Amino acid sequence: EFEDRGRCRRGYFVDSLGGAQFSTTDVVDR
């Protein structure tokens, strides 16, 4: 729900941990 509202983002940020990873825009930019 946060992702739908733009409050967080989902992606493959850490290898081998699957796609169910969530973070914020600031952390993704870092």
mmCIF file of all heavy atoms, coordinates in Angstrom:
data_MODEL
# 
_entry.id   MODEL 
# 
loop_
_atom_site.group_PDB 
_atom_site.id 
_atom_site.type_symbol 
_atom_site.label_atom_id 
_atom_site.label_alt_id 
_atom_site.label_comp_id 
_atom_site.label_asym_id 
_atom_site.label_entity_id 
_atom_site.label_seq_id 
_atom_site.pdbx_PDB_ins_code 
_atom_site.Cartn_x 
_atom_site.Cartn_y 
_atom_site.Cartn_z 
_atom_site.occupancy 
_atom_site.B_iso_or_equiv 
_atom_site.pdbx_formal_charge 
_atom_site.auth_seq_id 
_atom_site.auth_comp_id 
_atom_site.auth_asym_id 
_atom_site.auth_atom_id 
_atom_site.pdbx_PDB_model_num 
ATOM 1   N N   . GLU A 1 1  ? 0.836  -1.205  0.000  1.00 0.00 ? 1  GLU A N   1 
ATOM 2   C CA  . GLU A 1 1  ? 0.000  0.000   0.000  1.00 0.00 ? 1  GLU A CA  1 
ATOM 3   C C   . GLU A 1 1  ? 0.873  1.259   0.000  1.00 0.00 ? 1  GLU A C   1 
ATOM 4   O O   . GLU A 1 1  ? 0.587  2.234   -0.701 1.00 0.00 ? 1  GLU A O   1 
ATOM 5   C CB  . GLU A 1 1  ? -0.915 -0.005  1.226  1.00 0.00 ? 1  GLU A CB  1 
ATOM 6   C CG  . GLU A 1 1  ? -1.834 1.214   1.312  1.00 0.00 ? 1  GLU A CG  1 
ATOM 7   C CD  . GLU A 1 1  ? -2.687 1.191   2.555  1.00 0.00 ? 1  GLU A CD  1 
ATOM 8   O OE1 . GLU A 1 1  ? -2.833 0.119   3.175  1.00 0.00 ? 1  GLU A OE1 1 
ATOM 9   O OE2 . GLU A 1 1  ? -3.200 2.272   2.923  1.00 0.00 ? 1  GLU A OE2 1 
ATOM 10  N N   . PHE A 1 2  ? 1.967  1.223   0.793  1.00 0.00 ? 2  PHE A N   1 
ATOM 11  C CA  . PHE A 1 2  ? 2.909  2.347   0.786  1.00 0.00 ? 2  PHE A CA  1 
ATOM 12  C C   . PHE A 1 2  ? 3.461  2.578   -0.616 1.00 0.00 ? 2  PHE A C   1 
ATOM 13  O O   . PHE A 1 2  ? 3.611  3.717   -1.063 1.00 0.00 ? 2  PHE A O   1 
ATOM 14  C CB  . PHE A 1 2  ? 4.059  2.059   1.752  1.00 0.00 ? 2  PHE A CB  1 
ATOM 15  C CG  . PHE A 1 2  ? 3.747  2.329   3.198  1.00 0.00 ? 2  PHE A CG  1 
ATOM 16  C CD1 . PHE A 1 2  ? 2.450  2.592   3.617  1.00 0.00 ? 2  PHE A CD1 1 
ATOM 17  C CD2 . PHE A 1 2  ? 4.748  2.316   4.152  1.00 0.00 ? 2  PHE A CD2 1 
ATOM 18  C CE1 . PHE A 1 2  ? 2.162  2.834   4.954  1.00 0.00 ? 2  PHE A CE1 1 
ATOM 19  C CE2 . PHE A 1 2  ? 4.481  2.567   5.479  1.00 0.00 ? 2  PHE A CE2 1 
ATOM 20  C CZ  . PHE A 1 2  ? 3.184  2.815   5.890  1.00 0.00 ? 2  PHE A CZ  1 
ATOM 21  N N   . GLU A 1 3  ? 3.800  1.474   -1.302 1.00 0.00 ? 3  GLU A N   1 
ATOM 22  C CA  . GLU A 1 3  ? 4.350  1.594   -2.651 1.00 0.00 ? 3  GLU A CA  1 
ATOM 23  C C   . GLU A 1 3  ? 3.333  2.242   -3.591 1.00 0.00 ? 3  GLU A C   1 
ATOM 24  O O   . GLU A 1 3  ? 3.688  3.111   -4.409 1.00 0.00 ? 3  GLU A O   1 
ATOM 25  C CB  . GLU A 1 3  ? 4.758  0.216   -3.166 1.00 0.00 ? 3  GLU A CB  1 
ATOM 26  C CG  . GLU A 1 3  ? 5.370  0.237   -4.559 1.00 0.00 ? 3  GLU A CG  1 
ATOM 27  C CD  . GLU A 1 3  ? 5.591  -1.157  -5.100 1.00 0.00 ? 3  GLU A CD  1 
ATOM 28  O OE1 . GLU A 1 3  ? 4.971  -2.105  -4.598 1.00 0.00 ? 3  GLU A OE1 1 
ATOM 29  O OE2 . GLU A 1 3  ? 6.369  -1.288  -6.067 1.00 0.00 ? 3  GLU A OE2 1 
ATOM 30  N N   . ASP A 1 4  ? 2.091  1.832   -3.497 1.00 0.00 ? 4  ASP A N   1 
ATOM 31  C CA  . ASP A 1 4  ? 1.046  2.411   -4.347 1.00 0.00 ? 4  ASP A CA  1 
ATOM 32  C C   . ASP A 1 4  ? 0.892  3.908   -4.110 1.00 0.00 ? 4  ASP A C   1 
ATOM 33  O O   . ASP A 1 4  ? 0.543  4.657   -5.032 1.00 0.00 ? 4  ASP A O   1 
ATOM 34  C CB  . ASP A 1 4  ? -0.291 1.700   -4.103 1.00 0.00 ? 4  ASP A CB  1 
ATOM 35  C CG  . ASP A 1 4  ? -0.271 0.249   -4.554 1.00 0.00 ? 4  ASP A CG  1 
ATOM 36  O OD1 . ASP A 1 4  ? 0.595  -0.095  -5.388 1.00 0.00 ? 4  ASP A OD1 1 
ATOM 37  O OD2 . ASP A 1 4  ? -1.108 -0.544  -4.065 1.00 0.00 ? 4  ASP A OD2 1 
ATOM 38  N N   . ARG A 1 5  ? 1.138  4.326   -2.869 1.00 0.00 ? 5  ARG A N   1 
ATOM 39  C CA  . ARG A 1 5  ? 0.992  5.745   -2.531 1.00 0.00 ? 5  ARG A CA  1 
ATOM 40  C C   . ARG A 1 5  ? 2.281  6.529   -2.719 1.00 0.00 ? 5  ARG A C   1 
ATOM 41  O O   . ARG A 1 5  ? 2.315  7.742   -2.463 1.00 0.00 ? 5  ARG A O   1 
ATOM 42  C CB  . ARG A 1 5  ? 0.529  5.886   -1.079 1.00 0.00 ? 5  ARG A CB  1 
ATOM 43  C CG  . ARG A 1 5  ? -0.862 5.298   -0.816 1.00 0.00 ? 5  ARG A CG  1 
ATOM 44  C CD  . ARG A 1 5  ? -1.276 5.531   0.619  1.00 0.00 ? 5  ARG A CD  1 
ATOM 45  N NE  . ARG A 1 5  ? -2.609 5.009   0.897  1.00 0.00 ? 5  ARG A NE  1 
ATOM 46  C CZ  . ARG A 1 5  ? -3.228 5.152   2.064  1.00 0.00 ? 5  ARG A CZ  1 
ATOM 47  N NH1 . ARG A 1 5  ? -2.636 5.807   3.053  1.00 0.00 ? 5  ARG A NH1 1 
ATOM 48  N NH2 . ARG A 1 5  ? -4.441 4.654   2.241  1.00 0.00 ? 5  ARG A NH2 1 
ATOM 49  N N   . GLY A 1 6  ? 3.362  5.853   -3.114 1.00 0.00 ? 6  GLY A N   1 
ATOM 50  C CA  . GLY A 1 6  ? 4.627  6.541   -3.317 1.00 0.00 ? 6  GLY A CA  1 
ATOM 51  C C   . GLY A 1 6  ? 5.424  6.764   -2.054 1.00 0.00 ? 6  GLY A C   1 
ATOM 52  O O   . GLY A 1 6  ? 6.400  7.526   -2.061 1.00 0.00 ? 6  GLY A O   1 
ATOM 53  N N   . ARG A 1 7  ? 5.057  6.079   -0.961 1.00 0.00 ? 7  ARG A N   1 
ATOM 54  C CA  . ARG A 1 7  ? 5.774  6.254   0.308  1.00 0.00 ? 7  ARG A CA  1 
ATOM 55  C C   . ARG A 1 7  ? 6.996  5.367   0.411  1.00 0.00 ? 7  ARG A C   1 
ATOM 56  O O   . ARG A 1 7  ? 7.867  5.597   1.258  1.00 0.00 ? 7  ARG A O   1 
ATOM 57  C CB  . ARG A 1 7  ? 4.832  5.970   1.483  1.00 0.00 ? 7  ARG A CB  1 
ATOM 58  C CG  . ARG A 1 7  ? 3.731  6.997   1.634  1.00 0.00 ? 7  ARG A CG  1 
ATOM 59  C CD  . ARG A 1 7  ? 2.781  6.651   2.754  1.00 0.00 ? 7  ARG A CD  1 
ATOM 60  N NE  . ARG A 1 7  ? 3.430  6.565   4.058  1.00 0.00 ? 7  ARG A NE  1 
ATOM 61  C CZ  . ARG A 1 7  ? 2.772  6.302   5.185  1.00 0.00 ? 7  ARG A CZ  1 
ATOM 62  N NH1 . ARG A 1 7  ? 1.457  6.098   5.158  1.00 0.00 ? 7  ARG A NH1 1 
ATOM 63  N NH2 . ARG A 1 7  ? 3.417  6.246   6.339  1.00 0.00 ? 7  ARG A NH2 1 
ATOM 64  N N   . CYS A 1 8  ? 7.089  4.335   -0.405 1.00 0.00 ? 8  CYS A N   1 
ATOM 65  C CA  . CYS A 1 8  ? 8.278  3.491   -0.440 1.00 0.00 ? 8  CYS A CA  1 
ATOM 66  C C   . CYS A 1 8  ? 8.403  2.889   -1.830 1.00 0.00 ? 8  CYS A C   1 
ATOM 67  O O   . CYS A 1 8  ? 7.515  3.044   -2.671 1.00 0.00 ? 8  CYS A O   1 
ATOM 68  C CB  . CYS A 1 8  ? 8.239  2.417   0.646  1.00 0.00 ? 8  CYS A CB  1 
ATOM 69  S SG  . CYS A 1 8  ? 7.130  1.020   0.312  1.00 0.00 ? 8  CYS A SG  1 
ATOM 70  N N   . ARG A 1 9  ? 9.510  2.178   -2.053 1.00 0.00 ? 9  ARG A N   1 
ATOM 71  C CA  . ARG A 1 9  ? 9.762  1.559   -3.351 1.00 0.00 ? 9  ARG A CA  1 
ATOM 72  C C   . ARG A 1 9  ? 10.143 0.104   -3.147 1.00 0.00 ? 9  ARG A C   1 
ATOM 73  O O   . ARG A 1 9  ? 10.740 -0.266  -2.133 1.00 0.00 ? 9  ARG A O   1 
ATOM 74  C CB  . ARG A 1 9  ? 10.872 2.307   -4.095 1.00 0.00 ? 9  ARG A CB  1 
ATOM 75  C CG  . ARG A 1 9  ? 10.523 3.764   -4.340 1.00 0.00 ? 9  ARG A CG  1 
ATOM 76  C CD  . ARG A 1 9  ? 11.678 4.554   -4.900 1.00 0.00 ? 9  ARG A CD  1 
ATOM 77  N NE  . ARG A 1 9  ? 12.050 4.087   -6.233 1.00 0.00 ? 9  ARG A NE  1 
ATOM 78  C CZ  . ARG A 1 9  ? 12.976 4.681   -6.983 1.00 0.00 ? 9  ARG A CZ  1 
ATOM 79  N NH1 . ARG A 1 9  ? 13.612 5.743   -6.517 1.00 0.00 ? 9  ARG A NH1 1 
ATOM 80  N NH2 . ARG A 1 9  ? 13.257 4.222   -8.177 1.00 0.00 ? 9  ARG A NH2 1 
ATOM 81  N N   . ARG A 1 10 ? 9.793  -0.717  -4.148 1.00 0.00 ? 10 ARG A N   1 
ATOM 82  C CA  . ARG A 1 10 ? 10.110 -2.140  -4.091 1.00 0.00 ? 10 ARG A CA  1 
ATOM 83  C C   . ARG A 1 10 ? 11.088 -2.456  -5.202 1.00 0.00 ? 10 ARG A C   1 
ATOM 84  O O   . ARG A 1 10 ? 11.008 -1.917  -6.301 1.00 0.00 ? 10 ARG A O   1 
ATOM 85  C CB  . ARG A 1 10 ? 8.847  -2.975  -4.234 1.00 0.00 ? 10 ARG A CB  1 
ATOM 86  C CG  . ARG A 1 10 ? 9.112  -4.466  -4.360 1.00 0.00 ? 10 ARG A CG  1 
ATOM 87  C CD  . ARG A 1 10 ? 7.876  -5.322  -4.198 1.00 0.00 ? 10 ARG A CD  1 
ATOM 88  N NE  . ARG A 1 10 ? 6.659  -4.722  -4.736 1.00 0.00 ? 10 ARG A NE  1 
ATOM 89  C CZ  . ARG A 1 10 ? 5.467  -5.302  -4.660 1.00 0.00 ? 10 ARG A CZ  1 
ATOM 90  N NH1 . ARG A 1 10 ? 5.355  -6.477  -4.052 1.00 0.00 ? 10 ARG A NH1 1 
ATOM 91  N NH2 . ARG A 1 10 ? 4.406  -4.713  -5.164 1.00 0.00 ? 10 ARG A NH2 1 
ATOM 92  N N   . GLY A 1 11 ? 12.050 -3.352  -4.928 1.00 0.00 ? 11 GLY A N   1 
ATOM 93  C CA  . GLY A 1 11 ? 13.009 -3.710  -5.968 1.00 0.00 ? 11 GLY A CA  1 
ATOM 94  C C   . GLY A 1 11 ? 13.989 -4.751  -5.493 1.00 0.00 ? 11 GLY A C   1 
ATOM 95  O O   . GLY A 1 11 ? 13.939 -5.218  -4.347 1.00 0.00 ? 11 GLY A O   1 
ATOM 96  N N   . TYR A 1 12 ? 14.945 -5.112  -6.376 1.00 0.00 ? 12 TYR A N   1 
ATOM 97  C CA  . TYR A 1 12 ? 16.006 -6.069  -6.064 1.00 0.00 ? 12 TYR A CA  1 
ATOM 98  C C   . TYR A 1 12 ? 17.224 -5.274  -5.588 1.00 0.00 ? 12 TYR A C   1 
ATOM 99  O O   . TYR A 1 12 ? 18.198 -5.109  -6.320 1.00 0.00 ? 12 TYR A O   1 
ATOM 100 C CB  . TYR A 1 12 ? 16.345 -6.901  -7.288 1.00 0.00 ? 12 TYR A CB  1 
ATOM 101 C CG  . TYR A 1 12 ? 15.269 -7.889  -7.680 1.00 0.00 ? 12 TYR A CG  1 
ATOM 102 C CD1 . TYR A 1 12 ? 14.238 -7.519  -8.532 1.00 0.00 ? 12 TYR A CD1 1 
ATOM 103 C CD2 . TYR A 1 12 ? 15.287 -9.193  -7.189 1.00 0.00 ? 12 TYR A CD2 1 
ATOM 104 C CE1 . TYR A 1 12 ? 13.244 -8.421  -8.898 1.00 0.00 ? 12 TYR A CE1 1 
ATOM 105 C CE2 . TYR A 1 12 ? 14.292 -10.098 -7.537 1.00 0.00 ? 12 TYR A CE2 1 
ATOM 106 C CZ  . TYR A 1 12 ? 13.281 -9.706  -8.395 1.00 0.00 ? 12 TYR A CZ  1 
ATOM 107 O OH  . TYR A 1 12 ? 12.302 -10.602 -8.740 1.00 0.00 ? 12 TYR A OH  1 
ATOM 108 N N   . PHE A 1 13 ? 17.160 -4.777  -4.388 1.00 0.00 ? 13 PHE A N   1 
ATOM 109 C CA  . PHE A 1 13 ? 18.231 -3.940  -3.881 1.00 0.00 ? 13 PHE A CA  1 
ATOM 110 C C   . PHE A 1 13 ? 19.418 -4.767  -3.396 1.00 0.00 ? 13 PHE A C   1 
ATOM 111 O O   . PHE A 1 13 ? 20.565 -4.341  -3.525 1.00 0.00 ? 13 PHE A O   1 
ATOM 112 C CB  . PHE A 1 13 ? 17.712 -3.058  -2.739 1.00 0.00 ? 13 PHE A CB  1 
ATOM 113 C CG  . PHE A 1 13 ? 16.510 -2.242  -3.123 1.00 0.00 ? 13 PHE A CG  1 
ATOM 114 C CD1 . PHE A 1 13 ? 15.292 -2.416  -2.469 1.00 0.00 ? 13 PHE A CD1 1 
ATOM 115 C CD2 . PHE A 1 13 ? 16.580 -1.313  -4.141 1.00 0.00 ? 13 PHE A CD2 1 
ATOM 116 C CE1 . PHE A 1 13 ? 14.182 -1.667  -2.813 1.00 0.00 ? 13 PHE A CE1 1 
ATOM 117 C CE2 . PHE A 1 13 ? 15.479 -0.557  -4.501 1.00 0.00 ? 13 PHE A CE2 1 
ATOM 118 C CZ  . PHE A 1 13 ? 14.273 -0.733  -3.840 1.00 0.00 ? 13 PHE A CZ  1 
ATOM 119 N N   . VAL A 1 14 ? 19.147 -5.929  -2.810 1.00 0.00 ? 14 VAL A N   1 
ATOM 120 C CA  . VAL A 1 14 ? 20.198 -6.813  -2.309 1.00 0.00 ? 14 VAL A CA  1 
ATOM 121 C C   . VAL A 1 14 ? 20.109 -8.123  -3.073 1.00 0.00 ? 14 VAL A C   1 
ATOM 122 O O   . VAL A 1 14 ? 19.045 -8.761  -3.113 1.00 0.00 ? 14 VAL A O   1 
ATOM 123 C CB  . VAL A 1 14 ? 20.045 -7.074  -0.790 1.00 0.00 ? 14 VAL A CB  1 
ATOM 124 C CG1 . VAL A 1 14 ? 21.177 -7.962  -0.288 1.00 0.00 ? 14 VAL A CG1 1 
ATOM 125 C CG2 . VAL A 1 14 ? 20.018 -5.752  -0.018 1.00 0.00 ? 14 VAL A CG2 1 
ATOM 126 N N   . ASP A 1 15 ? 21.223 -8.528  -3.680 1.00 0.00 ? 15 ASP A N   1 
ATOM 127 C CA  . ASP A 1 15 ? 21.240 -9.759  -4.464 1.00 0.00 ? 15 ASP A CA  1 
ATOM 128 C C   . ASP A 1 15 ? 20.842 -10.961 -3.619 1.00 0.00 ? 15 ASP A C   1 
ATOM 129 O O   . ASP A 1 15 ? 21.162 -11.040 -2.428 1.00 0.00 ? 15 ASP A O   1 
ATOM 130 C CB  . ASP A 1 15 ? 22.646 -10.000 -5.043 1.00 0.00 ? 15 ASP A CB  1 
ATOM 131 C CG  . ASP A 1 15 ? 22.972 -9.024  -6.162 1.00 0.00 ? 15 ASP A CG  1 
ATOM 132 O OD1 . ASP A 1 15 ? 22.037 -8.405  -6.690 1.00 0.00 ? 15 ASP A OD1 1 
ATOM 133 O OD2 . ASP A 1 15 ? 24.164 -8.879  -6.492 1.00 0.00 ? 15 ASP A OD2 1 
ATOM 134 N N   . SER A 1 16 ? 20.139 -11.883 -4.245 1.00 0.00 ? 16 SER A N   1 
ATOM 135 C CA  . SER A 1 16 ? 19.779 -13.202 -3.696 1.00 0.00 ? 16 SER A CA  1 
ATOM 136 C C   . SER A 1 16 ? 18.672 -13.141 -2.649 1.00 0.00 ? 16 SER A C   1 
ATOM 137 O O   . SER A 1 16 ? 18.329 -14.179 -2.081 1.00 0.00 ? 16 SER A O   1 
ATOM 138 C CB  . SER A 1 16 ? 21.000 -13.911 -3.098 1.00 0.00 ? 16 SER A CB  1 
ATOM 139 O OG  . SER A 1 16 ? 21.366 -13.380 -1.846 1.00 0.00 ? 16 SER A OG  1 
ATOM 140 N N   . LEU A 1 17 ? 18.092 -11.971 -2.390 1.00 0.00 ? 17 LEU A N   1 
ATOM 141 C CA  . LEU A 1 17 ? 17.046 -11.880 -1.375 1.00 0.00 ? 17 LEU A CA  1 
ATOM 142 C C   . LEU A 1 17 ? 15.659 -11.724 -1.980 1.00 0.00 ? 17 LEU A C   1 
ATOM 143 O O   . LEU A 1 17 ? 14.708 -11.413 -1.266 1.00 0.00 ? 17 LEU A O   1 
ATOM 144 C CB  . LEU A 1 17 ? 17.333 -10.712 -0.427 1.00 0.00 ? 17 LEU A CB  1 
ATOM 145 C CG  . LEU A 1 17 ? 18.590 -10.831 0.429  1.00 0.00 ? 17 LEU A CG  1 
ATOM 146 C CD1 . LEU A 1 17 ? 18.684 -9.672  1.401  1.00 0.00 ? 17 LEU A CD1 1 
ATOM 147 C CD2 . LEU A 1 17 ? 18.631 -12.160 1.176  1.00 0.00 ? 17 LEU A CD2 1 
ATOM 148 N N   . GLY A 1 18 ? 15.514 -11.946 -3.268 1.00 0.00 ? 18 GLY A N   1 
ATOM 149 C CA  . GLY A 1 18 ? 14.203 -11.916 -3.890 1.00 0.00 ? 18 GLY A CA  1 
ATOM 150 C C   . GLY A 1 18 ? 13.704 -10.504 -4.135 1.00 0.00 ? 18 GLY A C   1 
ATOM 151 O O   . GLY A 1 18 ? 14.370 -9.511  -3.848 1.00 0.00 ? 18 GLY A O   1 
ATOM 152 N N   . GLY A 1 19 ? 12.498 -10.421 -4.679 1.00 0.00 ? 19 GLY A N   1 
ATOM 153 C CA  . GLY A 1 19 ? 11.937 -9.132  -5.040 1.00 0.00 ? 19 GLY A CA  1 
ATOM 154 C C   . GLY A 1 19 ? 11.104 -8.475  -3.968 1.00 0.00 ? 19 GLY A C   1 
ATOM 155 O O   . GLY A 1 19 ? 10.652 -7.345  -4.148 1.00 0.00 ? 19 GLY A O   1 
ATOM 156 N N   . ALA A 1 20 ? 10.876 -9.159  -2.844 1.00 0.00 ? 20 ALA A N   1 
ATOM 157 C CA  . ALA A 1 20 ? 10.066 -8.588  -1.761 1.00 0.00 ? 20 ALA A CA  1 
ATOM 158 C C   . ALA A 1 20 ? 10.954 -7.756  -0.844 1.00 0.00 ? 20 ALA A C   1 
ATOM 159 O O   . ALA A 1 20 ? 11.090 -8.019  0.350  1.00 0.00 ? 20 ALA A O   1 
ATOM 160 C CB  . ALA A 1 20 ? 9.351  -9.686  -0.982 1.00 0.00 ? 20 ALA A CB  1 
ATOM 161 N N   . GLN A 1 21 ? 11.590 -6.740  -1.435 1.00 0.00 ? 21 GLN A N   1 
ATOM 162 C CA  . GLN A 1 21 ? 12.433 -5.821  -0.686 1.00 0.00 ? 21 GLN A CA  1 
ATOM 163 C C   . GLN A 1 21 ? 11.861 -4.411  -0.843 1.00 0.00 ? 21 GLN A C   1 
ATOM 164 O O   . GLN A 1 21 ? 11.494 -4.004  -1.940 1.00 0.00 ? 21 GLN A O   1 
ATOM 165 C CB  . GLN A 1 21 ? 13.863 -5.849  -1.200 1.00 0.00 ? 21 GLN A CB  1 
ATOM 166 C CG  . GLN A 1 21 ? 14.512 -7.222  -1.177 1.00 0.00 ? 21 GLN A CG  1 
ATOM 167 C CD  . GLN A 1 21 ? 15.915 -7.189  -1.762 1.00 0.00 ? 21 GLN A CD  1 
ATOM 168 O OE1 . GLN A 1 21 ? 16.707 -6.304  -1.466 1.00 0.00 ? 21 GLN A OE1 1 
ATOM 169 N NE2 . GLN A 1 21 ? 16.214 -8.155  -2.621 1.00 0.00 ? 21 GLN A NE2 1 
ATOM 170 N N   . PHE A 1 22 ? 11.820 -3.681  0.263  1.00 0.00 ? 22 PHE A N   1 
ATOM 171 C CA  . PHE A 1 22 ? 11.213 -2.356  0.251  1.00 0.00 ? 22 PHE A CA  1 
ATOM 172 C C   . PHE A 1 22 ? 12.183 -1.345  0.847  1.00 0.00 ? 22 PHE A C   1 
ATOM 173 O O   . PHE A 1 22 ? 12.923 -1.648  1.786  1.00 0.00 ? 22 PHE A O   1 
ATOM 174 C CB  . PHE A 1 22 ? 9.903  -2.350  1.045  1.00 0.00 ? 22 PHE A CB  1 
ATOM 175 C CG  . PHE A 1 22 ? 8.832  -3.240  0.478  1.00 0.00 ? 22 PHE A CG  1 
ATOM 176 C CD1 . PHE A 1 22 ? 8.778  -4.588  0.813  1.00 0.00 ? 22 PHE A CD1 1 
ATOM 177 C CD2 . PHE A 1 22 ? 7.890  -2.737  -0.408 1.00 0.00 ? 22 PHE A CD2 1 
ATOM 178 C CE1 . PHE A 1 22 ? 7.793  -5.409  0.296  1.00 0.00 ? 22 PHE A CE1 1 
ATOM 179 C CE2 . PHE A 1 22 ? 6.902  -3.554  -0.939 1.00 0.00 ? 22 PHE A CE2 1 
ATOM 180 C CZ  . PHE A 1 22 ? 6.856  -4.890  -0.592 1.00 0.00 ? 22 PHE A CZ  1 
ATOM 181 N N   . SER A 1 23 ? 12.167 -0.162  0.290  1.00 0.00 ? 23 SER A N   1 
ATOM 182 C CA  . SER A 1 23 ? 13.023 0.910   0.786  1.00 0.00 ? 23 SER A CA  1 
ATOM 183 C C   . SER A 1 23 ? 12.382 2.245   0.453  1.00 0.00 ? 23 SER A C   1 
ATOM 184 O O   . SER A 1 23 ? 11.331 2.307   -0.189 1.00 0.00 ? 23 SER A O   1 
ATOM 185 C CB  . SER A 1 23 ? 14.424 0.801   0.173  1.00 0.00 ? 23 SER A CB  1 
ATOM 186 O OG  . SER A 1 23 ? 15.300 1.721   0.791  1.00 0.00 ? 23 SER A OG  1 
ATOM 187 N N   . THR A 1 24 ? 13.024 3.307   0.895  1.00 0.00 ? 24 THR A N   1 
ATOM 188 C CA  . THR A 1 24 ? 12.542 4.653   0.593  1.00 0.00 ? 24 THR A CA  1 
ATOM 189 C C   . THR A 1 24 ? 13.373 5.249   -0.534 1.00 0.00 ? 24 THR A C   1 
ATOM 190 O O   . THR A 1 24 ? 14.477 4.780   -0.834 1.00 0.00 ? 24 THR A O   1 
ATOM 191 C CB  . THR A 1 24 ? 12.624 5.557   1.823  1.00 0.00 ? 24 THR A CB  1 
ATOM 192 O OG1 . THR A 1 24 ? 13.997 5.664   2.242  1.00 0.00 ? 24 THR A OG1 1 
ATOM 193 C CG2 . THR A 1 24 ? 11.788 4.985   2.967  1.00 0.00 ? 24 THR A CG2 1 
ATOM 194 N N   . THR A 1 25 ? 12.878 6.317   -1.137 1.00 0.00 ? 25 THR A N   1 
ATOM 195 C CA  . THR A 1 25 ? 13.578 6.948   -2.261 1.00 0.00 ? 25 THR A CA  1 
ATOM 196 C C   . THR A 1 25 ? 14.954 7.444   -1.844 1.00 0.00 ? 25 THR A C   1 
ATOM 197 O O   . THR A 1 25 ? 15.927 7.299   -2.598 1.00 0.00 ? 25 THR A O   1 
ATOM 198 C CB  . THR A 1 25 ? 12.735 8.115   -2.807 1.00 0.00 ? 25 THR A CB  1 
ATOM 199 O OG1 . THR A 1 25 ? 11.476 7.612   -3.266 1.00 0.00 ? 25 THR A OG1 1 
ATOM 200 C CG2 . THR A 1 25 ? 13.444 8.803   -3.962 1.00 0.00 ? 25 THR A CG2 1 
ATOM 201 N N   . ASP A 1 26 ? 15.060 8.015   -0.654 1.00 0.00 ? 26 ASP A N   1 
ATOM 202 C CA  . ASP A 1 26 ? 16.352 8.529   -0.194 1.00 0.00 ? 26 ASP A CA  1 
ATOM 203 C C   . ASP A 1 26 ? 17.383 7.416   -0.089 1.00 0.00 ? 26 ASP A C   1 
ATOM 204 O O   . ASP A 1 26 ? 18.551 7.583   -0.487 1.00 0.00 ? 26 ASP A O   1 
ATOM 205 C CB  . ASP A 1 26 ? 16.198 9.217   1.167  1.00 0.00 ? 26 ASP A CB  1 
ATOM 206 C CG  . ASP A 1 26 ? 15.426 10.523  1.075  1.00 0.00 ? 26 ASP A CG  1 
ATOM 207 O OD1 . ASP A 1 26 ? 15.312 11.058  -0.046 1.00 0.00 ? 26 ASP A OD1 1 
ATOM 208 O OD2 . ASP A 1 26 ? 14.937 11.004  2.115  1.00 0.00 ? 26 ASP A OD2 1 
ATOM 209 N N   . VAL A 1 27 ? 16.982 6.263   0.443  1.00 0.00 ? 27 VAL A N   1 
ATOM 210 C CA  . VAL A 1 27 ? 17.910 5.146   0.591  1.00 0.00 ? 27 VAL A CA  1 
ATOM 211 C C   . VAL A 1 27 ? 18.298 4.595   -0.780 1.00 0.00 ? 27 VAL A C   1 
ATOM 212 O O   . VAL A 1 27 ? 19.470 4.270   -1.024 1.00 0.00 ? 27 VAL A O   1 
ATOM 213 C CB  . VAL A 1 27 ? 17.297 4.043   1.470  1.00 0.00 ? 27 VAL A CB  1 
ATOM 214 C CG1 . VAL A 1 27 ? 18.176 2.806   1.478  1.00 0.00 ? 27 VAL A CG1 1 
ATOM 215 C CG2 . VAL A 1 27 ? 17.098 4.552   2.892  1.00 0.00 ? 27 VAL A CG2 1 
ATOM 216 N N   . VAL A 1 28 ? 17.348 4.489   -1.688 1.00 0.00 ? 28 VAL A N   1 
ATOM 217 C CA  . VAL A 1 28 ? 17.643 3.996   -3.034 1.00 0.00 ? 28 VAL A CA  1 
ATOM 218 C C   . VAL A 1 28 ? 18.651 4.916   -3.721 1.00 0.00 ? 28 VAL A C   1 
ATOM 219 O O   . VAL A 1 28 ? 19.594 4.450   -4.379 1.00 0.00 ? 28 VAL A O   1 
ATOM 220 C CB  . VAL A 1 28 ? 16.349 3.880   -3.864 1.00 0.00 ? 28 VAL A CB  1 
ATOM 221 C CG1 . VAL A 1 28 ? 16.672 3.538   -5.318 1.00 0.00 ? 28 VAL A CG1 1 
ATOM 222 C CG2 . VAL A 1 28 ? 15.436 2.810   -3.273 1.00 0.00 ? 28 VAL A CG2 1 
ATOM 223 N N   . ASP A 1 29 ? 18.483 6.217   -3.561 1.00 0.00 ? 29 ASP A N   1 
ATOM 224 C CA  . ASP A 1 29 ? 19.437 7.162   -4.154 1.00 0.00 ? 29 ASP A CA  1 
ATOM 225 C C   . ASP A 1 29 ? 20.831 6.982   -3.563 1.00 0.00 ? 29 ASP A C   1 
ATOM 226 O O   . ASP A 1 29 ? 21.844 7.063   -4.275 1.00 0.00 ? 29 ASP A O   1 
ATOM 227 C CB  . ASP A 1 29 ? 18.960 8.594   -3.944 1.00 0.00 ? 29 ASP A CB  1 
ATOM 228 C CG  . ASP A 1 29 ? 17.730 8.934   -4.781 1.00 0.00 ? 29 ASP A CG  1 
ATOM 229 O OD1 . ASP A 1 29 ? 17.472 8.192   -5.753 1.00 0.00 ? 29 ASP A OD1 1 
ATOM 230 O OD2 . ASP A 1 29 ? 17.042 9.922   -4.449 1.00 0.00 ? 29 ASP A OD2 1 
ATOM 231 N N   . ARG A 1 30 ? 20.912 6.718   -2.254 1.00 0.00 ? 30 ARG A N   1 
ATOM 232 C CA  . ARG A 1 30 ? 22.212 6.491   -1.623 1.00 0.00 ? 30 ARG A CA  1 
ATOM 233 C C   . ARG A 1 30 ? 22.849 5.208   -2.133 1.00 0.00 ? 30 ARG A C   1 
ATOM 234 O O   . ARG A 1 30 ? 24.064 5.161   -2.374 1.00 0.00 ? 30 ARG A O   1 
ATOM 235 C CB  . ARG A 1 30 ? 22.059 6.429   -0.104 1.00 0.00 ? 30 ARG A CB  1 
ATOM 236 C CG  . ARG A 1 30 ? 21.699 7.751   0.552  1.00 0.00 ? 30 ARG A CG  1 
ATOM 237 C CD  . ARG A 1 30 ? 21.695 7.631   2.054  1.00 0.00 ? 30 ARG A CD  1 
ATOM 238 N NE  . ARG A 1 30 ? 23.022 7.302   2.563  1.00 0.00 ? 30 ARG A NE  1 
ATOM 239 C CZ  . ARG A 1 30 ? 23.281 7.005   3.838  1.00 0.00 ? 30 ARG A CZ  1 
ATOM 240 N NH1 . ARG A 1 30 ? 22.292 6.990   4.723  1.00 0.00 ? 30 ARG A NH1 1 
ATOM 241 N NH2 . ARG A 1 30 ? 24.511 6.714   4.227  1.00 0.00 ? 30 ARG A NH2 1 
# 
